[in-house]
Amino acid sequence: MEALLYQVFSGLANGIIYGSVALALVMIYQATHHINFAQGEMATFSTFIAWWLMQEGWGYWAAFFITVGISFVGGLLVQRIVLRPIEKAPVLTNVIVFIGLLLIFNALAGMLFDHTIKSFASPFPKDSFLATKYFSAHQIGSAGVLLVVLFALFAFFRYTSVGLAMRAAAQNPDSAKLVGIRVSWMLGLGWGLAAAIGAVAGMMVAPIVFLDPNMMAGILLYGFAGALLGGIDNPLGAVFGGLLVGVLENLLGAYVIGTELKLTVALVLIVGTLTLRPDGLFGKKVVTRV
């Protein structure tokens, strides 16, 4: 029983990271109805920026907030410069551009920071009072950071005029334009927020898996599975889906398929969700009259 509880709680700790990645994917999907395949590479590049700032003598939290700000601006610029010209292009065009962004950010990270594996400091010391029997201090701290991000996003979208405008632009762009909302800029803000959330996820996961240009490759797959399972159009559902994926990954890896095949859990969940319940557990069913 003790071992089972450990696997469950360890899975929840991993699921926190997957949930934050899933949340970033949902942010992009709500704005554009496309999946950003470069989300993991963008998060990794942002984490390298934080690492570089700390190497230059900045404290962890100073580097953290500066990186989040830089990531927000970077995501906004990517949308305005790269993606705005293809807003009305076919889906395949957008997919090709996303894959191109993935390759570009991966190559830039390797070129600027090299491909050696680097350690990344945690802001939560091992002997901190946050540590418990089943969770490390970093795992508890990461959960707290994600909750803060969630509450901040909820307040932003619920109680601010810009947040309400972004929701309107995502749900019905044509009607939003009629009432004076600048839909294209709302899409840019959505990309900025997604990039900032991805940066937070990258900085939370780097102390666990170490930092290198391919750090987020597997994690993006788990995050994508969580987003689909919870509902690709539901931010809270995506976070819950990430937690569920983390638990299933650990339990199946420990007791059924072995740790070497854990990544296949994400693939099976993706295929199974798309086949059996495409809207996810908490997604909205969309009915279109023809």
C-alpha atoms as a PDB file:
ATOM      1  CA  MET A   1       0.000   0.000   0.000  1.00  0.00           C
ATOM      2  CA  GLU A   2       2.866   2.323   0.818  1.00  0.00           C
ATOM      3  CA  ALA A   3       4.416   1.780  -2.617  1.00  0.00           C
ATOM      4  CA  LEU A   4       1.060   2.371  -4.333  1.00  0.00           C
ATOM      5  CA  LEU A   5       0.539   5.662  -2.511  1.00  0.00           C
ATOM      6  CA  TYR A   6       4.046   6.747  -3.436  1.00  0.00           C
ATOM      7  CA  GLN A   7       3.380   6.047  -7.127  1.00  0.00           C
ATOM      8  CA  VAL A   8       0.082   7.972  -7.006  1.00  0.00           C
ATOM      9  CA  PHE A   9       1.575  11.019  -5.305  1.00  0.00           C
ATOM     10  CA  SER A  10       4.640  10.940  -7.532  1.00  0.00           C
ATOM     11  CA  GLY A  11       2.298  10.799 -10.532  1.00  0.00           C
ATOM     12  CA  LEU A  12       0.392  13.818  -9.233  1.00  0.00           C
ATOM     13  CA  ALA A  13       3.679  15.708  -8.936  1.00  0.00           C
ATOM     14  CA  ASN A  14       4.510  14.903 -12.565  1.00  0.00           C
ATOM     15  CA  GLY A  15       0.942  15.707 -13.555  1.00  0.00           C
ATOM     16  CA  ILE A  16       1.355  19.234 -12.238  1.00  0.00           C
ATOM     17  CA  ILE A  17       3.982  19.856 -14.916  1.00  0.00           C
ATOM     18  CA  TYR A  18       1.921  18.126 -17.607  1.00  0.00           C
ATOM     19  CA  GLY A  19      -1.091  20.211 -16.565  1.00  0.00           C
ATOM     20  CA  SER A  20       0.801  23.475 -16.992  1.00  0.00           C
ATOM     21  CA  VAL A  21       1.940  22.425 -20.486  1.00  0.00           C
ATOM     22  CA  ALA A  22      -1.618  21.341 -21.309  1.00  0.00           C
ATOM     23  CA  LEU A  23      -2.863  24.731 -20.137  1.00  0.00           C
ATOM     24  CA  ALA A  24      -0.481  26.514 -22.518  1.00  0.00           C
ATOM     25  CA  LEU A  25      -1.646  24.298 -25.398  1.00  0.00           C
ATOM     26  CA  VAL A  26      -5.284  25.080 -24.596  1.00  0.00           C
ATOM     27  CA  MET A  27      -4.535  28.816 -24.580  1.00  0.00           C
ATOM     28  CA  ILE A  28      -3.276  28.587 -28.159  1.00  0.00           C
ATOM     29  CA  TYR A  29      -6.069  26.275 -29.264  1.00  0.00           C
ATOM     30  CA  GLN A  30      -8.795  28.540 -27.900  1.00  0.00           C
ATOM     31  CA  ALA A  31      -7.336  31.474 -29.797  1.00  0.00           C
ATOM     32  CA  THR A  32      -6.486  29.801 -33.107  1.00  0.00           C
ATOM     33  CA  HIS A  33      -8.073  26.310 -33.073  1.00  0.00           C
ATOM     34  CA  HIS A  34      -4.624  24.896 -33.835  1.00  0.00           C
ATOM     35  CA  ILE A  35      -2.154  22.927 -31.708  1.00  0.00           C
ATOM     36  CA  ASN A  36       1.190  24.669 -31.238  1.00  0.00           C
ATOM     37  CA  PHE A  37       3.728  21.892 -31.816  1.00  0.00           C
ATOM     38  CA  ALA A  38       6.530  24.322 -30.920  1.00  0.00           C
ATOM     39  CA  GLN A  39       5.209  24.907 -27.384  1.00  0.00           C
ATOM     40  CA  GLY A  40       7.790  22.630 -25.767  1.00  0.00           C
ATOM     41  CA  GLU A  41      10.720  24.120 -27.689  1.00  0.00           C
ATOM     42  CA  MET A  42       9.580  27.662 -26.842  1.00  0.00           C
ATOM     43  CA  ALA A  43       9.401  26.697 -23.157  1.00  0.00           C
ATOM     44  CA  THR A  44      12.880  25.163 -23.325  1.00  0.00           C
ATOM     45  CA  PHE A  45      14.323  28.285 -24.945  1.00  0.00           C
ATOM     46  CA  SER A  46      12.741  30.427 -22.213  1.00  0.00           C
ATOM     47  CA  THR A  47      14.254  28.160 -19.552  1.00  0.00           C
ATOM     48  CA  PHE A  48      17.679  28.636 -21.123  1.00  0.00           C
ATOM     49  CA  ILE A  49      17.173  32.410 -20.819  1.00  0.00           C
ATOM     50  CA  ALA A  50      16.463  31.976 -17.090  1.00  0.00           C
ATOM     51  CA  TRP A  51      19.535  29.753 -16.734  1.00  0.00           C
ATOM     52  CA  TRP A  52      21.705  32.365 -18.476  1.00  0.00           C
ATOM     53  CA  LEU A  53      20.389  35.148 -16.237  1.00  0.00           C
ATOM     54  CA  MET A  54      21.220  33.101 -13.135  1.00  0.00           C
ATOM     55  CA  GLN A  55      24.709  32.435 -14.511  1.00  0.00           C
ATOM     56  CA  GLU A  56      25.087  36.210 -14.824  1.00  0.00           C
ATOM     57  CA  GLY A  57      24.358  36.625 -11.130  1.00  0.00           C
ATOM     58  CA  TRP A  58      20.606  37.208 -11.002  1.00  0.00           C
ATOM     59  CA  GLY A  59      18.663  35.561  -8.211  1.00  0.00           C
ATOM     60  CA  TYR A  60      16.215  32.781  -9.043  1.00  0.00           C
ATOM     61  CA  TRP A  61      12.985  34.737  -8.644  1.00  0.00           C
ATOM     62  CA  ALA A  62      14.355  37.811 -10.415  1.00  0.00           C
ATOM     63  CA  ALA A  63      15.389  35.595 -13.356  1.00  0.00           C
ATOM     64  CA  PHE A  64      12.010  33.831 -13.146  1.00  0.00           C
ATOM     65  CA  PHE A  65       9.899  36.965 -13.541  1.00  0.00           C
ATOM     66  CA  ILE A  66      12.184  38.524 -16.147  1.00  0.00           C
ATOM     67  CA  THR A  67      11.997  35.303 -18.173  1.00  0.00           C
ATOM     68  CA  VAL A  68       8.202  35.215 -17.925  1.00  0.00           C
ATOM     69  CA  GLY A  69       8.085  38.810 -19.212  1.00  0.00           C
ATOM     70  CA  ILE A  70      10.509  38.090 -22.055  1.00  0.00           C
ATOM     71  CA  SER A  71       8.535  34.968 -22.982  1.00  0.00           C
ATOM     72  CA  PHE A  72       5.283  36.913 -23.079  1.00  0.00           C
ATOM     73  CA  VAL A  73       6.784  39.493 -25.432  1.00  0.00           C
ATOM     74  CA  GLY A  74       8.394  36.745 -27.510  1.00  0.00           C
ATOM     75  CA  GLY A  75       5.105  34.874 -27.904  1.00  0.00           C
ATOM     76  CA  LEU A  76       3.362  38.094 -28.891  1.00  0.00           C
ATOM     77  CA  LEU A  77       6.033  38.860 -31.500  1.00  0.00           C
ATOM     78  CA  VAL A  78       5.874  35.324 -32.932  1.00  0.00           C
ATOM     79  CA  GLN A  79       2.145  35.753 -33.504  1.00  0.00           C
ATOM     80  CA  ARG A  80       2.411  39.253 -34.955  1.00  0.00           C
ATOM     81  CA  ILE A  81       5.407  38.610 -37.221  1.00  0.00           C
ATOM     82  CA  VAL A  82       5.227  34.933 -38.174  1.00  0.00           C
ATOM     83  CA  LEU A  83       1.625  33.815 -37.756  1.00  0.00           C
ATOM     84  CA  ARG A  84      -0.448  36.890 -38.508  1.00  0.00           C
ATOM     85  CA  PRO A  85       0.166  36.677 -42.284  1.00  0.00           C
ATOM     86  CA  ILE A  86      -1.199  33.100 -42.342  1.00  0.00           C
ATOM     87  CA  GLU A  87      -4.234  33.585 -40.065  1.00  0.00           C
ATOM     88  CA  LYS A  88      -6.614  32.580 -42.877  1.00  0.00           C
ATOM     89  CA  ALA A  89      -4.307  30.054 -44.522  1.00  0.00           C
ATOM     90  CA  PRO A  90      -5.224  26.334 -44.732  1.00  0.00           C
ATOM     91  CA  VAL A  91      -4.672  24.165 -41.660  1.00  0.00           C
ATOM     92  CA  LEU A  92      -1.725  22.361 -43.255  1.00  0.00           C
ATOM     93  CA  THR A  93       0.076  25.687 -43.742  1.00  0.00           C
ATOM     94  CA  ASN A  94      -0.248  26.462 -40.034  1.00  0.00           C
ATOM     95  CA  VAL A  95       0.974  22.978 -39.089  1.00  0.00           C
ATOM     96  CA  ILE A  96       4.061  23.389 -41.292  1.00  0.00           C
ATOM     97  CA  VAL A  97       4.810  26.770 -39.709  1.00  0.00           C
ATOM     98  CA  PHE A  98       4.457  25.309 -36.189  1.00  0.00           C
ATOM     99  CA  ILE A  99       6.878  22.506 -37.075  1.00  0.00           C
ATOM    100  CA  GLY A 100       9.237  25.099 -38.528  1.00  0.00           C
ATOM    101  CA  LEU A 101       9.097  27.080 -35.274  1.00  0.00           C
ATOM    102  CA  LEU A 102       9.858  23.885 -33.347  1.00  0.00           C
ATOM    103  CA  LEU A 103      13.002  23.282 -35.408  1.00  0.00           C
ATOM    104  CA  ILE A 104      14.083  26.920 -35.221  1.00  0.00           C
ATOM    105  CA  PHE A 105      13.793  27.221 -31.430  1.00  0.00           C
ATOM    106  CA  ASN A 106      15.496  23.844 -30.950  1.00  0.00           C
ATOM    107  CA  ALA A 107      18.382  24.842 -33.206  1.00  0.00           C
ATOM    108  CA  LEU A 108      18.713  28.274 -31.579  1.00  0.00           C
ATOM    109  CA  ALA A 109      18.852  26.753 -28.104  1.00  0.00           C
ATOM    110  CA  GLY A 110      21.613  24.389 -29.181  1.00  0.00           C
ATOM    111  CA  MET A 111      23.531  27.097 -31.051  1.00  0.00           C
ATOM    112  CA  LEU A 112      23.392  29.724 -28.291  1.00  0.00           C
ATOM    113  CA  PHE A 113      23.639  27.525 -25.192  1.00  0.00           C
ATOM    114  CA  ASP A 114      25.174  24.279 -26.669  1.00  0.00           C
ATOM    115  CA  HIS A 115      23.833  20.742 -26.302  1.00  0.00           C
ATOM    116  CA  THR A 116      25.461  19.757 -23.013  1.00  0.00           C
ATOM    117  CA  ILE A 117      23.140  18.806 -20.159  1.00  0.00           C
ATOM    118  CA  LYS A 118      22.984  21.535 -17.516  1.00  0.00           C
ATOM    119  CA  SER A 119      21.737  21.527 -13.940  1.00  0.00           C
ATOM    120  CA  PHE A 120      19.028  24.037 -13.096  1.00  0.00           C
ATOM    121  CA  ALA A 121      18.593  25.298  -9.558  1.00  0.00           C
ATOM    122  CA  SER A 122      15.343  24.798  -7.662  1.00  0.00           C
ATOM    123  CA  PRO A 123      13.977  27.681  -5.583  1.00  0.00           C
ATOM    124  CA  PHE A 124      12.678  25.180  -3.033  1.00  0.00           C
ATOM    125  CA  PRO A 125      15.527  23.606  -0.978  1.00  0.00           C
ATOM    126  CA  LYS A 126      15.339  19.883  -0.209  1.00  0.00           C
ATOM    127  CA  ASP A 127      15.283  20.487   3.547  1.00  0.00           C
ATOM    128  CA  SER A 128      12.516  23.088   3.272  1.00  0.00           C
ATOM    129  CA  PHE A 129       9.462  22.859   5.516  1.00  0.00           C
ATOM    130  CA  LEU A 130       7.446  22.189   2.335  1.00  0.00           C
ATOM    131  CA  ALA A 131       8.863  18.664   2.052  1.00  0.00           C
ATOM    132  CA  THR A 132       6.558  15.833   3.151  1.00  0.00           C
ATOM    133  CA  LYS A 133       6.668  12.053   3.253  1.00  0.00           C
ATOM    134  CA  TYR A 134       5.338  11.691  -0.293  1.00  0.00           C
ATOM    135  CA  PHE A 135       6.269  15.019  -1.937  1.00  0.00           C
ATOM    136  CA  SER A 136       9.577  16.808  -2.223  1.00  0.00           C
ATOM    137  CA  ALA A 137       9.772  20.521  -1.510  1.00  0.00           C
ATOM    138  CA  HIS A 138      10.153  21.227  -5.234  1.00  0.00           C
ATOM    139  CA  GLN A 139       7.044  19.234  -6.073  1.00  0.00           C
ATOM    140  CA  ILE A 140       4.961  21.090  -3.477  1.00  0.00           C
ATOM    141  CA  GLY A 141       6.410  24.408  -4.596  1.00  0.00           C
ATOM    142  CA  SER A 142       5.677  23.639  -8.256  1.00  0.00           C
ATOM    143  CA  ALA A 143       2.074  22.829  -7.348  1.00  0.00           C
ATOM    144  CA  GLY A 144       1.792  26.155  -5.553  1.00  0.00           C
ATOM    145  CA  VAL A 145       3.196  28.041  -8.546  1.00  0.00           C
ATOM    146  CA  LEU A 146       0.727  26.328 -10.897  1.00  0.00           C
ATOM    147  CA  LEU A 147      -2.198  27.165  -8.595  1.00  0.00           C
ATOM    148  CA  VAL A 148      -1.135  30.806  -8.545  1.00  0.00           C
ATOM    149  CA  VAL A 149      -0.981  30.795 -12.361  1.00  0.00           C
ATOM    150  CA  LEU A 150      -4.440  29.209 -12.540  1.00  0.00           C
ATOM    151  CA  PHE A 151      -6.039  31.684 -10.163  1.00  0.00           C
ATOM    152  CA  ALA A 152      -4.357  34.609 -11.934  1.00  0.00           C
ATOM    153  CA  LEU A 153      -5.655  33.404 -15.310  1.00  0.00           C
ATOM    154  CA  PHE A 154      -9.145  32.855 -13.892  1.00  0.00           C
ATOM    155  CA  ALA A 155      -9.224  36.372 -12.459  1.00  0.00           C
ATOM    156  CA  PHE A 156      -7.802  37.840 -15.675  1.00  0.00           C
ATOM    157  CA  PHE A 157     -10.382  36.202 -17.963  1.00  0.00           C
ATOM    158  CA  ARG A 158     -13.292  36.715 -15.578  1.00  0.00           C
ATOM    159  CA  TYR A 159     -12.805  40.217 -14.212  1.00  0.00           C
ATOM    160  CA  THR A 160     -10.737  42.270 -16.679  1.00  0.00           C
ATOM    161  CA  SER A 161     -11.945  43.906 -19.875  1.00  0.00           C
ATOM    162  CA  VAL A 162      -8.965  42.596 -21.849  1.00  0.00           C
ATOM    163  CA  GLY A 163      -9.599  39.058 -20.600  1.00  0.00           C
ATOM    164  CA  LEU A 164     -13.262  39.263 -21.559  1.00  0.00           C
ATOM    165  CA  ALA A 165     -12.292  40.606 -24.977  1.00  0.00           C
ATOM    166  CA  MET A 166      -9.882  37.699 -25.469  1.00  0.00           C
ATOM    167  CA  ARG A 167     -12.622  35.213 -24.582  1.00  0.00           C
ATOM    168  CA  ALA A 168     -15.008  36.890 -27.019  1.00  0.00           C
ATOM    169  CA  ALA A 169     -12.401  36.913 -29.784  1.00  0.00           C
ATOM    170  CA  ALA A 170     -11.686  33.208 -29.251  1.00  0.00           C
ATOM    171  CA  GLN A 171     -15.347  32.136 -29.155  1.00  0.00           C
ATOM    172  CA  ASN A 172     -16.747  34.249 -31.981  1.00  0.00           C
ATOM    173  CA  PRO A 173     -14.200  36.349 -33.907  1.00  0.00           C
ATOM    174  CA  ASP A 174     -16.728  37.806 -36.361  1.00  0.00           C
ATOM    175  CA  SER A 175     -19.094  39.073 -33.660  1.00  0.00           C
ATOM    176  CA  ALA A 176     -16.126  40.375 -31.657  1.00  0.00           C
ATOM    177  CA  LYS A 177     -15.000  42.454 -34.646  1.00  0.00           C
ATOM    178  CA  LEU A 178     -18.489  43.948 -34.948  1.00  0.00           C
ATOM    179  CA  VAL A 179     -18.303  45.328 -31.394  1.00  0.00           C
ATOM    180  CA  GLY A 180     -14.858  46.853 -31.935  1.00  0.00           C
ATOM    181  CA  ILE A 181     -12.555  44.174 -30.503  1.00  0.00           C
ATOM    182  CA  ARG A 182      -9.213  43.965 -32.276  1.00  0.00           C
ATOM    183  CA  VAL A 183      -9.256  40.198 -32.747  1.00  0.00           C
ATOM    184  CA  SER A 184      -5.769  39.922 -34.204  1.00  0.00           C
ATOM    185  CA  TRP A 185      -4.242  41.644 -31.179  1.00  0.00           C
ATOM    186  CA  MET A 186      -6.245  39.403 -28.868  1.00  0.00           C
ATOM    187  CA  LEU A 187      -4.700  36.405 -30.629  1.00  0.00           C
ATOM    188  CA  GLY A 188      -1.277  37.935 -30.058  1.00  0.00           C
ATOM    189  CA  LEU A 189      -1.990  38.350 -26.341  1.00  0.00           C
ATOM    190  CA  GLY A 190      -3.135  34.726 -26.219  1.00  0.00           C
ATOM    191  CA  TRP A 191       0.178  33.616 -27.720  1.00  0.00           C
ATOM    192  CA  GLY A 192       2.040  35.794 -25.234  1.00  0.00           C
ATOM    193  CA  LEU A 193       0.190  34.256 -22.279  1.00  0.00           C
ATOM    194  CA  ALA A 194       0.762  30.732 -23.605  1.00  0.00           C
ATOM    195  CA  ALA A 195       4.483  31.414 -24.012  1.00  0.00           C
ATOM    196  CA  ALA A 196       4.660  32.799 -20.463  1.00  0.00           C
ATOM    197  CA  ILE A 197       2.844  29.752 -19.044  1.00  0.00           C
ATOM    198  CA  GLY A 198       5.175  27.478 -21.018  1.00  0.00           C
ATOM    199  CA  ALA A 199       8.166  29.303 -19.546  1.00  0.00           C
ATOM    200  CA  VAL A 200       6.830  28.680 -16.029  1.00  0.00           C
ATOM    201  CA  ALA A 201       6.414  24.977 -16.844  1.00  0.00           C
ATOM    202  CA  GLY A 202       9.941  24.791 -18.244  1.00  0.00           C
ATOM    203  CA  MET A 203      11.490  26.424 -15.179  1.00  0.00           C
ATOM    204  CA  MET A 204       9.558  24.097 -12.878  1.00  0.00           C
ATOM    205  CA  VAL A 205      10.539  20.915 -14.745  1.00  0.00           C
ATOM    206  CA  ALA A 206      14.217  21.782 -15.425  1.00  0.00           C
ATOM    207  CA  PRO A 207      15.406  21.019 -11.849  1.00  0.00           C
ATOM    208  CA  ILE A 208      13.915  17.505 -12.213  1.00  0.00           C
ATOM    209  CA  VAL A 209      14.976  16.401 -15.709  1.00  0.00           C
ATOM    210  CA  PHE A 210      17.984  18.733 -16.217  1.00  0.00           C
ATOM    211  CA  LEU A 211      18.258  21.293 -18.983  1.00  0.00           C
ATOM    212  CA  ASP A 212      19.090  20.570 -22.620  1.00  0.00           C
ATOM    213  CA  PRO A 213      17.546  21.610 -25.980  1.00  0.00           C
ATOM    214  CA  ASN A 214      15.327  18.489 -26.076  1.00  0.00           C
ATOM    215  CA  MET A 215      14.167  18.743 -22.464  1.00  0.00           C
ATOM    216  CA  MET A 216      10.457  19.223 -23.206  1.00  0.00           C
ATOM    217  CA  ALA A 217      10.019  16.733 -26.058  1.00  0.00           C
ATOM    218  CA  GLY A 218       8.481  13.933 -23.992  1.00  0.00           C
ATOM    219  CA  ILE A 219       6.766  16.319 -21.597  1.00  0.00           C
ATOM    220  CA  LEU A 220       4.986  18.035 -24.493  1.00  0.00           C
ATOM    221  CA  LEU A 221       3.553  14.659 -25.506  1.00  0.00           C
ATOM    222  CA  TYR A 222       2.226  14.080 -21.980  1.00  0.00           C
ATOM    223  CA  GLY A 223       0.858  17.634 -21.897  1.00  0.00           C
ATOM    224  CA  PHE A 224      -0.890  17.090 -25.222  1.00  0.00           C
ATOM    225  CA  ALA A 225      -2.436  13.865 -23.872  1.00  0.00           C
ATOM    226  CA  GLY A 226      -3.617  15.763 -20.793  1.00  0.00           C
ATOM    227  CA  ALA A 227      -5.113  18.562 -22.865  1.00  0.00           C
ATOM    228  CA  LEU A 228      -7.039  16.109 -25.052  1.00  0.00           C
ATOM    229  CA  LEU A 229      -8.162  13.982 -22.122  1.00  0.00           C
ATOM    230  CA  GLY A 230      -9.428  16.929 -20.083  1.00  0.00           C
ATOM    231  CA  GLY A 231     -10.836  18.849 -23.046  1.00  0.00           C
ATOM    232  CA  ILE A 232      -8.806  20.859 -25.525  1.00  0.00           C
ATOM    233  CA  ASP A 233     -11.156  23.850 -25.108  1.00  0.00           C
ATOM    234  CA  ASN A 234     -11.314  23.727 -21.288  1.00  0.00           C
ATOM    235  CA  PRO A 235      -8.337  25.192 -19.332  1.00  0.00           C
ATOM    236  CA  LEU A 236      -9.328  23.692 -15.985  1.00  0.00           C
ATOM    237  CA  GLY A 237     -10.128  20.354 -17.632  1.00  0.00           C
ATOM    238  CA  ALA A 238      -6.691  20.354 -19.298  1.00  0.00           C
ATOM    239  CA  VAL A 239      -4.994  20.775 -15.912  1.00  0.00           C
ATOM    240  CA  PHE A 240      -7.073  17.914 -14.480  1.00  0.00           C
ATOM    241  CA  GLY A 241      -6.203  15.841 -17.544  1.00  0.00           C
ATOM    242  CA  GLY A 242      -2.506  16.498 -16.954  1.00  0.00           C
ATOM    243  CA  LEU A 243      -2.821  15.276 -13.356  1.00  0.00           C
ATOM    244  CA  LEU A 244      -4.667  12.161 -14.512  1.00  0.00           C
ATOM    245  CA  VAL A 245      -2.043  11.425 -17.161  1.00  0.00           C
ATOM    246  CA  GLY A 246       0.702  11.745 -14.541  1.00  0.00           C
ATOM    247  CA  VAL A 247      -0.975   9.224 -12.232  1.00  0.00           C
ATOM    248  CA  LEU A 248      -1.760   6.755 -15.038  1.00  0.00           C
ATOM    249  CA  GLU A 249       1.781   7.026 -16.391  1.00  0.00           C
ATOM    250  CA  ASN A 250       3.290   6.174 -13.009  1.00  0.00           C
ATOM    251  CA  LEU A 251       0.893   3.356 -12.109  1.00  0.00           C
ATOM    252  CA  LEU A 252       1.054   1.648 -15.505  1.00  0.00           C
ATOM    253  CA  GLY A 253       4.810   2.127 -15.691  1.00  0.00           C
ATOM    254  CA  ALA A 254       5.344   0.640 -12.245  1.00  0.00           C
ATOM    255  CA  TYR A 255       2.885  -2.257 -12.320  1.00  0.00           C
ATOM    256  CA  VAL A 256       1.943  -3.057 -15.928  1.00  0.00           C
ATOM    257  CA  ILE A 257       4.262  -2.082 -18.778  1.00  0.00           C
ATOM    258  CA  GLY A 258       7.529  -1.077 -17.094  1.00  0.00           C
ATOM    259  CA  THR A 259       9.296   2.259 -16.962  1.00  0.00           C
ATOM    260  CA  GLU A 260      10.880   1.837 -20.409  1.00  0.00           C
ATOM    261  CA  LEU A 261       7.485   2.004 -22.138  1.00  0.00           C
ATOM    262  CA  LYS A 262       5.875   4.793 -20.088  1.00  0.00           C
ATOM    263  CA  LEU A 263       5.829   7.166 -23.044  1.00  0.00           C
ATOM    264  CA  THR A 264       3.457   4.826 -24.847  1.00  0.00           C
ATOM    265  CA  VAL A 265       0.848   5.635 -22.183  1.00  0.00           C
ATOM    266  CA  ALA A 266       0.598   9.152 -23.607  1.00  0.00           C
ATOM    267  CA  LEU A 267       0.314   7.838 -27.158  1.00  0.00           C
ATOM    268  CA  VAL A 268      -2.425   5.356 -26.213  1.00  0.00           C
ATOM    269  CA  LEU A 269      -4.334   8.089 -24.341  1.00  0.00           C
ATOM    270  CA  ILE A 270      -4.104  10.427 -27.336  1.00  0.00           C
ATOM    271  CA  VAL A 271      -5.362   7.816 -29.796  1.00  0.00           C
ATOM    272  CA  GLY A 272      -7.997   6.507 -27.385  1.00  0.00           C
ATOM    273  CA  THR A 273      -9.354   9.963 -26.567  1.00  0.00           C
ATOM    274  CA  LEU A 274      -9.540  11.020 -30.219  1.00  0.00           C
ATOM    275  CA  THR A 275     -11.282   7.751 -31.089  1.00  0.00           C
ATOM    276  CA  LEU A 276     -13.722   7.332 -28.194  1.00  0.00           C
ATOM    277  CA  ARG A 277     -14.274  10.829 -26.790  1.00  0.00           C
ATOM    278  CA  PRO A 278     -12.831  13.554 -29.043  1.00  0.00           C
ATOM    279  CA  ASP A 279     -14.244  16.336 -26.838  1.00  0.00           C
ATOM    280  CA  GLY A 280     -12.405  15.049 -23.765  1.00  0.00           C
ATOM    281  CA  LEU A 281     -13.843  14.547 -20.297  1.00  0.00           C
ATOM    282  CA  PHE A 282     -14.791  18.196 -19.800  1.00  0.00           C
ATOM    283  CA  GLY A 283     -14.829  19.550 -23.356  1.00  0.00           C
ATOM    284  CA  LYS A 284     -17.826  21.089 -25.058  1.00  0.00           C
ATOM    285  CA  LYS A 285     -19.620  19.264 -27.821  1.00  0.00           C
ATOM    286  CA  VAL A 286     -19.903  21.481 -30.862  1.00  0.00           C
ATOM    287  CA  VAL A 287     -22.857  20.884 -33.187  1.00  0.00           C
ATOM    288  CA  THR A 288     -22.747  22.534 -36.611  1.00  0.00           C
ATOM    289  CA  ARG A 289     -25.816  22.821 -38.806  1.00  0.00           C
ATOM    290  CA  VAL A 290     -25.257  22.085 -42.482  1.00  0.00           C
END
